[in-house]
């Protein structure tokens, strides 16, 4: 080895030794760390995802069973007894058209002509005002078999901001009849001798609270005043005033106390030269009752103290309804009493061929009844009632003993009767309505007279209203009854033939404002007698047109 190589080895060794000594001389208090430098970066593997795909539901072909508890759409009113009285035959007519402003005219083989009109005003929210008029003139096959009616009137309703509703009406009517039922028919009378005209002016006013007061009170006072008269040479005049003050106090949802005061005043006068007659027939009543009402039970218990011409009578006023949970059957019990007012105006509305009454008496009615009513399937309704009735001072009408063309008013002290009334109905909204009713009266006791003159023993009524199409309506009625008894001149009794009267009518719209209508009465031309010696019109047809001012 040469000197140059040896020098290189010694120099390198000296360097390594110096570096080792220097490292041992470093600070020993410093934390020891390790620095790692690398280009590798760890990454987590992507997690596997579960895909949720919504599958369509399977087709369900089964029909779901849906149960609804819908109350039966029928109105249930507290039973009020039908009056047993010699009612006059109702004039056949079509159901009124739904429009409020209209003129209806017609002509037929009996009615010549027929006119009816009605007009309505107001905002239809707080004020309503109506004006109406009616006129017809009819003539039958028999001589002097004719009558006419003319009436006009107005009625209004106004609702105040204090939840009060005021109602009022005023009207005038003139009814003309001819006494064509004289026997023998060979008697000769002038038109003036046979003409009988009744004229009436009547006004009504009443108001009520729409919501109970803060003390739970409901009130509905009313006043009716009418003046009635005839055209006889010895004129008969009558003034009637009826004031009714009902009040009801409720206690929660179940109890209520009712109090009502009624004054029914009648002043009847006949004044012509030497003949003067005045009769005051006044009736005062105070009705007090306690009412209890739940979903299944209704009880109305009270009495009606009454004074008629200074005679006191206490009338019962007890009723009870027991209803099932489904409202399909209701049992009814009751013991009730009321009065049929004796007035010239009321008697003339029953029998238009009556003579001037010699006296006026009220008929007191008491009834003990049992019945039931209900509905099936929401469309079919039924009711039946059996009652024991007692009539005190019952008004009856008998032919006069001269020629029989007028009827005298007589009073029987007491008539007892058994009354059976049944009724069924089927209704589908406003498109179809059918009803049938039977009323049977069995007179078990007539005190003074031989029979209950003029009272119908059995009566059947059928009615049908059907909207066949949108603009076509059809109606039909059947009136049938067994003939009532009448009295001969010598006091013996006779019996009228049974009656059977079938009517039918139709109405259809031709434009928005015009309707055509047709009415046929007594289709079988049955010339029966409701009142003895007074034969009704035979077959008659009446048709015409109705114009409405409404544009909708």
Protein backbone atom coordinates (compact mmCIF):
# COMPACT_ATOMS: atom_id res chain seq x y z
CA UNK A 1 0.00 0.00 0.00
CA UNK A 2 1.40 3.36 -0.92
CA UNK A 3 1.31 6.38 1.22
CA UNK A 4 -1.64 7.91 -0.72
CA UNK A 5 -3.98 5.00 -0.08
CA UNK A 6 -3.06 4.81 3.58
CA UNK A 7 -3.94 8.46 3.95
CA UNK A 8 -7.43 7.92 2.53
CA UNK A 9 -8.18 5.10 4.95
CA UNK A 10 -7.09 7.10 7.95
CA UNK A 11 -9.18 10.11 6.88
CA UNK A 12 -12.36 8.12 6.42
CA UNK A 13 -11.94 6.41 9.80
CA UNK A 14 -11.40 9.72 11.51
CA UNK A 15 -14.67 11.04 10.02
CA UNK A 16 -16.75 8.09 11.27
CA UNK A 17 -15.23 8.39 14.75
CA UNK A 18 -16.00 12.13 14.86
CA UNK A 19 -19.60 11.53 13.88
CA UNK A 20 -20.01 8.89 16.60
CA UNK A 21 -18.58 11.14 19.29
CA UNK A 22 -20.82 14.03 18.17
CA UNK A 23 -23.95 11.87 18.35
CA UNK A 24 -23.20 10.75 21.85
CA UNK A 25 -22.88 14.39 22.89
CA UNK A 26 -26.63 15.25 21.89
CA UNK A 27 -29.40 16.32 24.48
CA UNK A 28 -30.92 13.21 26.08
CA UNK A 29 -34.09 14.98 27.39
CA UNK A 30 -35.71 15.30 23.92
CA UNK A 31 -38.69 12.86 23.12
CA UNK A 32 -37.80 10.33 20.64
CA UNK A 33 -39.91 10.40 17.47
CA UNK A 34 -40.02 8.41 14.31
CA UNK A 35 -40.90 10.16 11.05
CA UNK A 36 -42.18 7.91 8.33
CA UNK A 37 -42.58 9.25 4.88
CA UNK A 38 -44.50 7.16 2.36
CA UNK A 39 -46.70 7.61 -0.77
CA UNK A 40 -49.21 4.84 0.26
CA UNK A 41 -52.73 5.99 1.37
CA UNK A 42 -55.12 3.39 2.95
CA UNK A 43 -58.70 3.52 1.59
CA UNK A 44 -61.79 1.61 2.95
CA UNK A 45 -63.57 -0.66 0.55
CA UNK A 46 -67.01 0.54 -0.66
CA UNK A 47 -69.82 -1.10 1.30
CA UNK A 48 -72.35 -3.12 -0.66
CA UNK A 49 -75.81 -1.29 -1.00
CA UNK A 50 -79.19 -3.01 -0.78
CA UNK A 51 -81.58 -1.79 -3.50
CA UNK A 52 -85.29 -1.48 -2.37
CA UNK A 53 -87.54 -1.75 -5.44
CA UNK A 54 -91.30 -1.06 -4.68
CA UNK A 55 -93.33 -3.85 -6.21
CA UNK A 56 -96.96 -2.99 -7.30
CA UNK A 57 -99.69 -4.35 -4.96
CA UNK A 58 -101.68 -7.37 -5.94
CA UNK A 59 -105.09 -6.74 -7.48
CA UNK A 60 -107.86 -7.16 -4.84
CA UNK A 61 -111.06 -8.34 -6.52
CA UNK A 62 -113.10 -8.60 -3.30
CA UNK A 63 -115.72 -5.86 -2.60
CA UNK A 64 -115.09 -4.02 0.69
CA UNK A 65 -117.95 -4.09 3.21
CA UNK A 66 -118.61 -0.50 4.30
CA UNK A 67 -121.08 0.11 7.12
CA UNK A 68 -122.70 3.51 7.53
CA UNK A 69 -124.99 4.60 10.33
CA UNK A 70 -127.21 7.09 8.52
CA UNK A 71 -130.35 8.22 10.40
CA UNK A 72 -133.65 7.67 8.65
CA UNK A 73 -134.70 10.81 6.81
CA UNK A 74 -138.22 10.98 8.17
CA UNK A 75 -139.86 13.63 10.32
CA UNK A 76 -141.57 12.50 13.49
CA UNK A 77 -144.09 14.88 14.93
CA UNK A 78 -145.91 14.61 18.20
CA UNK A 79 -149.27 13.08 17.44
CA UNK A 80 -152.10 15.53 17.06
CA UNK A 81 -155.58 14.04 16.65
CA UNK A 82 -157.42 14.58 13.41
CA UNK A 83 -160.66 16.47 13.78
CA UNK A 84 -163.79 14.41 13.29
CA UNK A 85 -165.96 16.82 11.35
CA UNK A 86 -168.10 16.88 8.20
CA UNK A 87 -165.37 18.10 5.88
CA UNK A 88 -166.13 19.50 2.47
CA UNK A 89 -164.71 17.87 -0.64
CA UNK A 90 -161.35 19.42 -1.45
CA UNK A 91 -161.02 21.07 -4.84
CA UNK A 92 -158.73 19.13 -7.16
CA UNK A 93 -155.57 20.98 -8.06
CA UNK A 94 -152.02 20.38 -9.15
CA UNK A 95 -149.05 20.72 -6.88
CA UNK A 96 -147.76 24.30 -6.95
CA UNK A 97 -144.89 25.03 -9.32
CA UNK A 98 -141.53 25.56 -7.65
CA UNK A 99 -140.90 29.02 -9.14
CA UNK A 100 -141.77 32.01 -6.98
CA UNK A 101 -142.91 34.48 -9.67
CA UNK A 102 -145.47 33.00 -12.01
CA UNK A 103 -148.83 33.31 -13.74
CA UNK A 104 -150.89 30.17 -14.28
CA UNK A 105 -153.92 30.18 -16.58
CA UNK A 106 -156.20 27.42 -17.77
CA UNK A 107 -159.61 26.53 -19.14
CA UNK A 108 -161.74 23.40 -19.22
CA UNK A 109 -165.23 22.03 -19.62
CA UNK A 110 -166.14 23.03 -16.02
CA UNK A 111 -163.66 25.72 -14.99
CA UNK A 112 -163.97 28.75 -17.28
CA UNK A 113 -161.46 30.26 -16.67
CA UNK A 114 -158.81 29.43 -14.04
CA UNK A 115 -156.14 31.98 -13.09
CA UNK A 116 -153.50 31.85 -10.37
CA UNK A 117 -150.51 34.15 -9.82
CA UNK A 118 -147.77 34.67 -7.26
CA UNK A 119 -144.87 37.09 -6.92
CA UNK A 120 -142.00 37.23 -4.44
CA UNK A 121 -139.76 40.08 -3.36
CA UNK A 122 -137.00 40.66 -0.82
CA UNK A 123 -133.36 39.74 -0.35
CA UNK A 124 -134.17 36.08 0.51
CA UNK A 125 -132.02 36.39 3.63
CA UNK A 126 -133.67 38.72 6.09
CA UNK A 127 -136.79 39.90 4.25
CA UNK A 128 -139.39 38.02 2.24
CA UNK A 129 -142.53 39.46 0.69
CA UNK A 130 -145.17 37.59 -1.33
CA UNK A 131 -148.24 38.70 -3.27
CA UNK A 132 -150.70 36.14 -4.59
CA UNK A 133 -154.08 35.99 -6.34
CA UNK A 134 -156.49 33.25 -7.35
CA UNK A 135 -159.66 33.17 -9.41
CA UNK A 136 -161.82 30.52 -11.01
CA UNK A 137 -165.39 30.21 -12.24
CA UNK A 138 -166.95 26.76 -12.61
CA UNK A 139 -170.24 25.57 -14.11
CA UNK A 140 -171.69 22.06 -14.19
CA UNK A 141 -174.42 20.31 -16.19
CA UNK A 142 -177.25 21.02 -13.75
CA UNK A 143 -179.01 24.36 -13.64
CA UNK A 144 -177.40 26.74 -11.13
CA UNK A 145 -174.64 24.18 -10.49
CA UNK A 146 -171.84 26.69 -10.43
CA UNK A 147 -169.57 28.55 -8.06
CA UNK A 148 -166.67 30.99 -8.19
CA UNK A 149 -163.77 32.07 -6.03
CA UNK A 150 -161.70 35.26 -6.03
CA UNK A 151 -158.95 35.89 -3.52
CA UNK A 152 -155.97 38.22 -3.14
CA UNK A 153 -153.43 38.50 -0.38
CA UNK A 154 -149.96 39.44 0.74
CA UNK A 155 -147.56 37.95 3.25
CA UNK A 156 -144.20 39.05 4.56
CA UNK A 157 -141.36 37.89 6.80
CA UNK A 158 -138.60 40.01 8.32
CA UNK A 159 -135.66 38.85 10.44
CA UNK A 160 -134.06 41.41 12.75
CA UNK A 161 -130.48 41.59 13.97
CA UNK A 162 -131.70 40.56 17.44
CA UNK A 163 -132.64 37.06 16.15
CA UNK A 164 -136.35 37.86 15.96
CA UNK A 165 -138.58 36.82 13.08
CA UNK A 166 -141.72 38.81 12.29
CA UNK A 167 -144.44 37.37 10.06
CA UNK A 168 -147.60 39.03 8.83
CA UNK A 169 -150.30 38.52 6.22
CA UNK A 170 -153.51 40.12 5.01
CA UNK A 171 -156.04 38.83 2.53
CA UNK A 172 -159.50 39.12 1.05
CA UNK A 173 -161.64 36.35 -0.44
CA UNK A 174 -165.09 36.17 -1.99
CA UNK A 175 -166.81 32.79 -2.48
CA UNK A 176 -169.99 32.49 -4.52
CA UNK A 177 -172.23 29.42 -4.41
CA UNK A 178 -175.69 28.69 -5.77
CA UNK A 179 -178.25 26.65 -3.81
CA UNK A 180 -179.09 24.25 -6.64
CA UNK A 181 -179.90 21.24 -4.44
CA UNK A 182 -183.63 21.93 -3.96
CA UNK A 183 -186.31 19.20 -4.17
CA UNK A 184 -188.40 18.84 -6.22
CA UNK A 185 -186.32 20.10 -9.13
CA UNK A 186 -189.45 21.56 -10.74
CA UNK A 187 -189.43 24.46 -8.28
CA UNK A 188 -188.71 27.83 -9.84
CA UNK A 189 -186.15 30.21 -8.30
CA UNK A 190 -184.38 33.26 -9.59
CA UNK A 191 -180.62 33.52 -9.72
CA UNK A 192 -180.69 36.13 -6.99
CA UNK A 193 -182.71 33.87 -4.67
CA UNK A 194 -180.18 31.06 -4.94
CA UNK A 195 -176.94 33.02 -4.82
CA UNK A 196 -174.98 32.71 -1.59
CA UNK A 197 -171.82 34.77 -1.17
CA UNK A 198 -169.31 34.66 1.66
CA UNK A 199 -166.69 37.40 1.99
CA UNK A 200 -163.76 37.34 4.38
CA UNK A 201 -161.10 39.87 5.36
CA UNK A 202 -158.37 38.39 7.50
CA UNK A 203 -155.06 39.60 8.94
CA UNK A 204 -152.39 37.76 10.93
CA UNK A 205 -149.23 38.81 12.73
CA UNK A 206 -146.82 36.81 14.86
CA UNK A 207 -143.16 36.83 15.83
CA UNK A 208 -140.73 34.42 17.45
CA UNK A 209 -137.16 34.26 18.66
CA UNK A 210 -134.87 32.24 16.42
CA UNK A 211 -132.56 31.31 19.29
CA UNK A 212 -133.36 30.78 22.99
CA UNK A 213 -132.71 33.72 25.27
CA UNK A 214 -129.96 33.69 27.87
CA UNK A 215 -132.51 32.21 30.27
CA UNK A 216 -133.48 29.40 27.86
CA UNK A 217 -136.84 30.91 26.81
CA UNK A 218 -138.63 30.46 23.49
CA UNK A 219 -141.75 32.46 22.66
CA UNK A 220 -144.07 32.75 19.67
CA UNK A 221 -147.05 35.09 20.25
CA UNK A 222 -149.60 35.48 17.44
CA UNK A 223 -152.75 37.45 16.68
CA UNK A 224 -155.38 36.72 14.03
CA UNK A 225 -158.36 38.97 13.24
CA UNK A 226 -161.04 38.22 10.63
CA UNK A 227 -164.35 39.73 9.54
CA UNK A 228 -166.80 37.38 7.85
CA UNK A 229 -170.18 38.06 6.26
CA UNK A 230 -172.82 36.87 3.78
CA UNK A 231 -175.09 38.47 1.17
CA UNK A 232 -178.50 37.53 2.62
CA UNK A 233 -181.27 40.09 2.87
CA UNK A 234 -180.95 39.66 6.61
CA UNK A 235 -177.19 39.89 6.71
CA UNK A 236 -175.05 37.87 9.05
CA UNK A 237 -171.77 39.35 10.27
CA UNK A 238 -169.07 37.79 12.39
CA UNK A 239 -165.80 39.04 13.89
CA UNK A 240 -163.19 36.56 15.10
CA UNK A 241 -160.10 37.38 17.16
CA UNK A 242 -157.58 34.77 18.28
CA UNK A 243 -154.67 35.72 20.56
CA UNK A 244 -152.13 33.04 21.39
CA UNK A 245 -149.21 33.52 23.83
CA UNK A 246 -147.01 30.39 24.03
CA UNK A 247 -143.84 30.27 26.14
CA UNK A 248 -141.27 27.51 26.58
CA UNK A 249 -138.50 27.26 29.17
CA UNK A 250 -135.80 24.62 28.64
CA UNK A 251 -133.74 22.97 31.40
CA UNK A 252 -130.73 21.39 29.75
CA UNK A 253 -131.31 19.06 26.83
CA UNK A 254 -134.00 16.87 28.37
CA UNK A 255 -136.54 18.96 30.28
CA UNK A 256 -138.79 21.81 29.18
CA UNK A 257 -141.75 23.63 30.70
CA UNK A 258 -144.46 24.94 28.38
CA UNK A 259 -147.08 27.55 29.17
CA UNK A 260 -149.63 28.92 26.74
CA UNK A 261 -152.54 31.35 27.03
CA UNK A 262 -155.20 31.50 24.30
CA UNK A 263 -158.15 33.84 23.89
CA UNK A 264 -160.52 32.92 21.04
CA UNK A 265 -163.28 35.53 20.74
CA UNK A 266 -166.25 35.41 18.36
CA UNK A 267 -168.98 38.02 17.94
CA UNK A 268 -171.86 36.92 15.66
CA UNK A 269 -174.61 39.38 14.73
CA UNK A 270 -177.78 39.32 12.65
CA UNK A 271 -179.34 42.76 12.31
CA UNK A 272 -182.04 43.68 9.80
CA UNK A 273 -185.09 45.65 10.81
CA UNK A 274 -187.22 43.67 13.22
CA UNK A 275 -184.77 40.76 13.53
CA UNK A 276 -181.78 41.40 15.75
CA UNK A 277 -179.57 38.70 17.16
CA UNK A 278 -176.17 38.76 18.85
CA UNK A 279 -174.17 35.80 20.08
CA UNK A 280 -170.76 36.03 21.78
CA UNK A 281 -168.93 32.70 21.74
CA UNK A 282 -165.70 33.22 23.69
CA UNK A 283 -163.16 30.61 24.67
CA UNK A 284 -160.20 31.05 27.04
CA UNK A 285 -157.53 28.41 27.65
CA UNK A 286 -154.36 28.09 29.74
CA UNK A 287 -152.13 25.17 28.77
CA UNK A 288 -149.37 24.12 31.17
CA UNK A 289 -147.17 21.09 30.58
CA UNK A 290 -143.83 19.54 31.52
CA UNK A 291 -141.87 17.85 28.74
CA UNK A 292 -139.15 15.20 29.04
CA UNK A 293 -137.28 14.14 25.92
CA UNK A 294 -134.40 11.73 25.31
CA UNK A 295 -133.29 9.70 22.33
CA UNK A 296 -135.77 6.91 23.14
CA UNK A 297 -138.46 8.54 25.25
CA UNK A 298 -140.73 11.54 24.92
CA UNK A 299 -143.22 12.42 27.66
CA UNK A 300 -145.54 15.41 27.57
CA UNK A 301 -147.72 15.80 30.63
CA UNK A 302 -150.05 18.68 31.36
CA UNK A 303 -153.57 20.01 31.70
CA UNK A 304 -155.60 22.68 29.90
CA UNK A 305 -158.01 24.66 32.10
CA UNK A 306 -160.67 26.14 29.80
CA UNK A 307 -163.53 28.58 30.11
CA UNK A 308 -166.16 28.75 27.36
CA UNK A 309 -169.04 31.16 27.93
CA UNK A 310 -168.39 31.10 31.70
CA UNK A 311 -168.36 27.27 31.80
CA UNK A 312 -165.20 25.68 33.19
CA UNK A 313 -163.69 22.44 31.87
CA UNK A 314 -160.34 20.80 32.59
CA UNK A 315 -158.88 19.04 29.56
CA UNK A 316 -156.11 16.43 29.68
CA UNK A 317 -152.90 16.88 27.70
CA UNK A 318 -150.80 13.74 28.24
CA UNK A 319 -148.72 12.09 25.51
CA UNK A 320 -145.84 9.61 25.43
CA UNK A 321 -143.63 8.24 22.63
CA UNK A 322 -141.31 5.26 23.16
CA UNK A 323 -138.75 4.81 20.37
CA UNK A 324 -136.29 2.03 19.60
CA UNK A 325 -132.60 2.74 19.22
CA UNK A 326 -132.70 2.46 15.43
CA UNK A 327 -135.68 4.89 15.27
CA UNK A 328 -137.66 2.40 13.19
CA UNK A 329 -140.50 1.85 15.65
CA UNK A 330 -142.23 4.26 18.00
CA UNK A 331 -145.08 3.38 20.36
CA UNK A 332 -147.55 6.17 21.13
CA UNK A 333 -149.90 6.65 24.07
CA UNK A 334 -152.04 9.61 24.93
CA UNK A 335 -155.01 11.16 26.66
CA UNK A 336 -155.72 14.54 25.15
CA UNK A 337 -158.43 17.16 24.75
CA UNK A 338 -159.10 20.21 22.61
CA UNK A 339 -161.90 22.37 21.18
CA UNK A 340 -163.37 22.75 17.71
CA UNK A 341 -164.40 26.39 17.49
CA UNK A 342 -168.04 27.04 16.72
CA UNK A 343 -168.19 29.97 14.29
CA UNK A 344 -170.17 30.91 11.19
CA UNK A 345 -166.91 31.24 9.25
CA UNK A 346 -165.73 27.72 10.15
CA UNK A 347 -169.13 26.13 9.49
CA UNK A 348 -169.31 27.77 6.04
CA UNK A 349 -165.87 26.39 5.16
CA UNK A 350 -167.15 22.88 5.98
CA UNK A 351 -170.56 23.12 4.27
CA UNK A 352 -170.96 26.12 1.91
CA UNK A 353 -174.73 25.54 1.58
CA UNK A 354 -175.59 26.15 5.23
CA UNK A 355 -178.18 28.64 6.43
CA UNK A 356 -177.31 31.28 9.00
CA UNK A 357 -176.79 29.48 12.34
CA UNK A 358 -179.28 30.25 15.11
CA UNK A 359 -176.57 29.78 17.77
CA UNK A 360 -172.88 29.04 18.09
CA UNK A 361 -171.40 26.34 20.30
CA UNK A 362 -167.88 24.97 20.63
CA UNK A 363 -167.27 21.23 20.33
CA UNK A 364 -165.20 19.75 23.15
CA UNK A 365 -163.13 16.71 22.11
CA UNK A 366 -161.45 14.17 24.38
CA UNK A 367 -159.53 11.16 23.12
CA UNK A 368 -157.71 8.20 24.63
CA UNK A 369 -155.46 6.59 22.01
CA UNK A 370 -152.79 3.99 21.39
CA UNK A 371 -150.70 3.65 18.26
CA UNK A 372 -147.35 3.09 16.63
CA UNK A 373 -145.32 4.50 13.75
CA UNK A 374 -141.97 3.92 12.16
CA UNK A 375 -139.95 3.46 9.01
CA UNK A 376 -138.15 0.71 7.13
CA UNK A 377 -135.10 1.00 4.88
CA UNK A 378 -135.21 4.79 4.93
CA UNK A 379 -137.97 5.08 2.31
CA UNK A 380 -141.00 3.23 3.66
CA UNK A 381 -142.98 4.73 6.57
CA UNK A 382 -146.08 3.53 8.39
CA UNK A 383 -148.38 4.51 11.24
CA UNK A 384 -151.53 3.24 12.92
CA UNK A 385 -153.66 4.64 15.73
CA UNK A 386 -156.71 3.39 17.62
CA UNK A 387 -158.60 6.00 19.62
CA UNK A 388 -161.68 6.29 21.80
CA UNK A 389 -163.23 9.69 21.14
CA UNK A 390 -165.90 11.71 22.93
CA UNK A 391 -167.49 14.79 21.31
CA UNK A 392 -169.54 17.18 23.41
CA UNK A 393 -171.89 19.59 21.59
CA UNK A 394 -170.95 18.20 18.19
CA UNK A 395 -172.10 20.34 15.23
CA UNK A 396 -174.14 18.42 12.62
CA UNK A 397 -175.76 19.64 9.40
CA UNK A 398 -179.22 18.53 8.19
CA UNK A 399 -181.36 19.63 5.23
CA UNK A 400 -184.08 22.14 5.97
CA UNK A 401 -187.66 20.83 5.94
CA UNK A 402 -188.89 23.17 3.15
CA UNK A 403 -187.06 22.20 -0.04
CA UNK A 404 -183.76 20.94 1.39
CA UNK A 405 -181.51 23.41 -0.43
CA UNK A 406 -179.96 24.78 2.78
CA UNK A 407 -178.55 23.02 5.83
CA UNK A 408 -179.40 23.87 9.39
CA UNK A 409 -176.78 23.59 12.13
CA UNK A 410 -177.79 21.43 15.08
CA UNK A 411 -175.79 20.23 18.08
CA UNK A 412 -175.80 16.79 19.64
CA UNK A 413 -174.92 16.80 23.38
CA UNK A 414 -172.59 13.80 23.12
CA UNK A 415 -171.27 11.50 20.40
CA UNK A 416 -168.88 8.64 21.18
CA UNK A 417 -166.79 7.05 18.44
CA UNK A 418 -164.04 4.51 17.92
CA UNK A 419 -161.49 5.82 15.43
CA UNK A 420 -158.95 3.72 13.55
CA UNK A 421 -156.45 5.56 11.36
CA UNK A 422 -153.71 3.85 9.34
CA UNK A 423 -151.24 5.35 6.91
CA UNK A 424 -148.33 4.09 4.82
CA UNK A 425 -145.96 5.95 2.55
CA UNK A 426 -143.03 5.41 0.22
CA UNK A 427 -140.71 8.29 -0.60
CA UNK A 428 -137.60 8.68 -2.75
CA UNK A 429 -136.29 12.21 -2.25
CA UNK A 430 -138.30 14.72 -4.24
CA UNK A 431 -138.75 12.44 -7.25
CA UNK A 432 -141.30 9.93 -6.01
CA UNK A 433 -143.87 10.00 -3.24
CA UNK A 434 -146.76 7.60 -2.68
CA UNK A 435 -149.15 7.59 0.29
CA UNK A 436 -152.22 5.65 1.34
CA UNK A 437 -154.47 6.35 4.33
CA UNK A 438 -157.62 4.77 5.76
CA UNK A 439 -159.79 6.46 8.36
CA UNK A 440 -162.60 4.46 10.01
CA UNK A 441 -165.14 5.93 12.45
CA UNK A 442 -167.56 3.72 14.34
CA UNK A 443 -170.16 5.87 16.10
CA UNK A 444 -171.09 3.92 19.23
CA UNK A 445 -173.33 6.56 20.80
CA UNK A 446 -175.40 9.48 19.50
CA UNK A 447 -177.37 11.03 22.34
CA UNK A 448 -180.15 13.12 20.79
CA UNK A 449 -180.16 12.42 17.07
CA UNK A 450 -180.75 9.08 15.37
CA UNK A 451 -177.46 9.18 13.45
CA UNK A 452 -174.33 11.28 13.14
CA UNK A 453 -175.65 13.32 10.21
CA UNK A 454 -173.06 14.22 7.57
CA UNK A 455 -170.10 12.47 9.19
CA UNK A 456 -168.17 10.07 6.96
CA UNK A 457 -167.79 6.58 8.51
CA UNK A 458 -165.02 5.16 6.25
CA UNK A 459 -162.61 7.10 4.06
CA UNK A 460 -159.73 6.03 1.79
CA UNK A 461 -157.15 8.40 0.29
CA UNK A 462 -154.39 7.46 -2.15
CA UNK A 463 -151.85 9.85 -3.61
CA UNK A 464 -148.91 9.63 -6.00
CA UNK A 465 -146.37 12.29 -7.03
CA UNK A 466 -143.73 11.20 -9.55
CA UNK A 467 -141.06 13.12 -11.44
CA UNK A 468 -140.74 10.79 -14.40
CA UNK A 469 -138.11 12.83 -16.18
CA UNK A 470 -136.20 16.01 -15.46
CA UNK A 471 -138.95 18.17 -16.94
CA UNK A 472 -142.00 15.90 -16.60
CA UNK A 473 -144.18 15.47 -13.49
CA UNK A 474 -147.16 13.18 -12.94
CA UNK A 475 -149.67 13.04 -10.09
CA UNK A 476 -152.79 11.07 -9.27
CA UNK A 477 -155.24 10.95 -6.35
CA UNK A 478 -158.03 8.64 -5.31
CA UNK A 479 -160.77 9.70 -2.90
CA UNK A 480 -163.23 7.06 -1.80
CA UNK A 481 -165.60 6.84 1.15
CA UNK A 482 -168.78 5.23 2.34
CA UNK A 483 -171.77 7.54 2.06
CA UNK A 484 -172.71 9.51 5.20
CA UNK A 485 -176.18 9.51 6.76
CA UNK A 486 -178.71 12.28 6.14
CA UNK A 487 -182.11 13.14 7.61
CA UNK A 488 -185.43 13.26 5.73
CA UNK A 489 -188.11 15.86 6.39
CA UNK A 490 -190.02 13.45 8.64
CA UNK A 491 -186.93 12.66 10.71
CA UNK A 492 -186.11 9.29 9.16
CA UNK A 493 -182.55 8.61 8.11
CA UNK A 494 -181.13 7.90 4.67
CA UNK A 495 -177.68 7.04 3.38
CA UNK A 496 -175.79 8.46 0.41
CA UNK A 497 -174.14 6.16 -2.11
CA UNK A 498 -170.41 5.44 -1.74
CA UNK A 499 -168.06 7.78 -3.55
CA UNK A 500 -165.16 6.91 -5.83
CA UNK A 501 -163.23 9.82 -7.34
CA UNK A 502 -160.03 9.23 -9.33
CA UNK A 503 -157.97 12.19 -10.56
CA UNK A 504 -154.80 12.44 -12.63
CA UNK A 505 -152.61 15.27 -13.88
CA UNK A 506 -149.33 16.01 -15.57
CA UNK A 507 -147.04 18.98 -16.08
CA UNK A 508 -144.00 19.34 -18.30
CA UNK A 509 -141.60 22.11 -19.18
CA UNK A 510 -141.30 23.31 -22.75
CA UNK A 511 -138.88 26.23 -22.19
CA UNK A 512 -137.14 27.84 -19.23
CA UNK A 513 -140.17 30.03 -18.64
CA UNK A 514 -143.14 28.02 -19.90
CA UNK A 515 -144.82 24.91 -18.52
CA UNK A 516 -147.81 23.06 -19.93
CA UNK A 517 -150.15 21.35 -17.45
CA UNK A 518 -153.23 19.14 -17.60
CA UNK A 519 -155.61 17.99 -14.86
CA UNK A 520 -158.45 15.45 -15.18
CA UNK A 521 -160.89 14.98 -12.30
CA UNK A 522 -163.50 12.31 -11.60
CA UNK A 523 -162.24 10.08 -14.41
CA UNK A 524 -165.07 7.56 -13.94
CA UNK A 525 -167.75 10.29 -14.02
CA UNK A 526 -169.13 9.17 -10.63
CA UNK A 527 -171.78 11.76 -9.75
CA UNK A 528 -171.92 11.13 -6.02
CA UNK A 529 -173.24 13.41 -3.28
CA UNK A 530 -171.00 14.55 -0.45
CA UNK A 531 -173.91 16.52 1.00
CA UNK A 532 -177.44 15.29 0.47
CA UNK A 533 -179.16 16.68 -2.67
CA UNK A 534 -175.90 18.27 -3.92
CA UNK A 535 -174.44 16.26 -6.77
CA UNK A 536 -170.77 16.93 -7.54
CA UNK A 537 -169.32 17.71 -10.97
CA UNK A 538 -168.88 14.73 -13.28
CA UNK A 539 -165.80 14.18 -15.39
CA UNK A 540 -163.99 17.44 -15.97
CA UNK A 541 -160.74 18.34 -17.66
CA UNK A 542 -158.67 21.46 -17.15
CA UNK A 543 -155.47 22.47 -18.89
CA UNK A 544 -153.34 25.50 -19.53
CA UNK A 545 -149.92 27.09 -19.38
CA UNK A 546 -147.72 28.51 -16.64
CA UNK A 547 -145.32 31.35 -17.25
CA UNK A 548 -142.47 31.94 -14.81
CA UNK A 549 -140.53 35.18 -14.61
CA UNK A 550 -137.49 33.32 -13.29
CA UNK A 551 -134.70 32.76 -15.78
CA UNK A 552 -132.80 29.98 -14.03
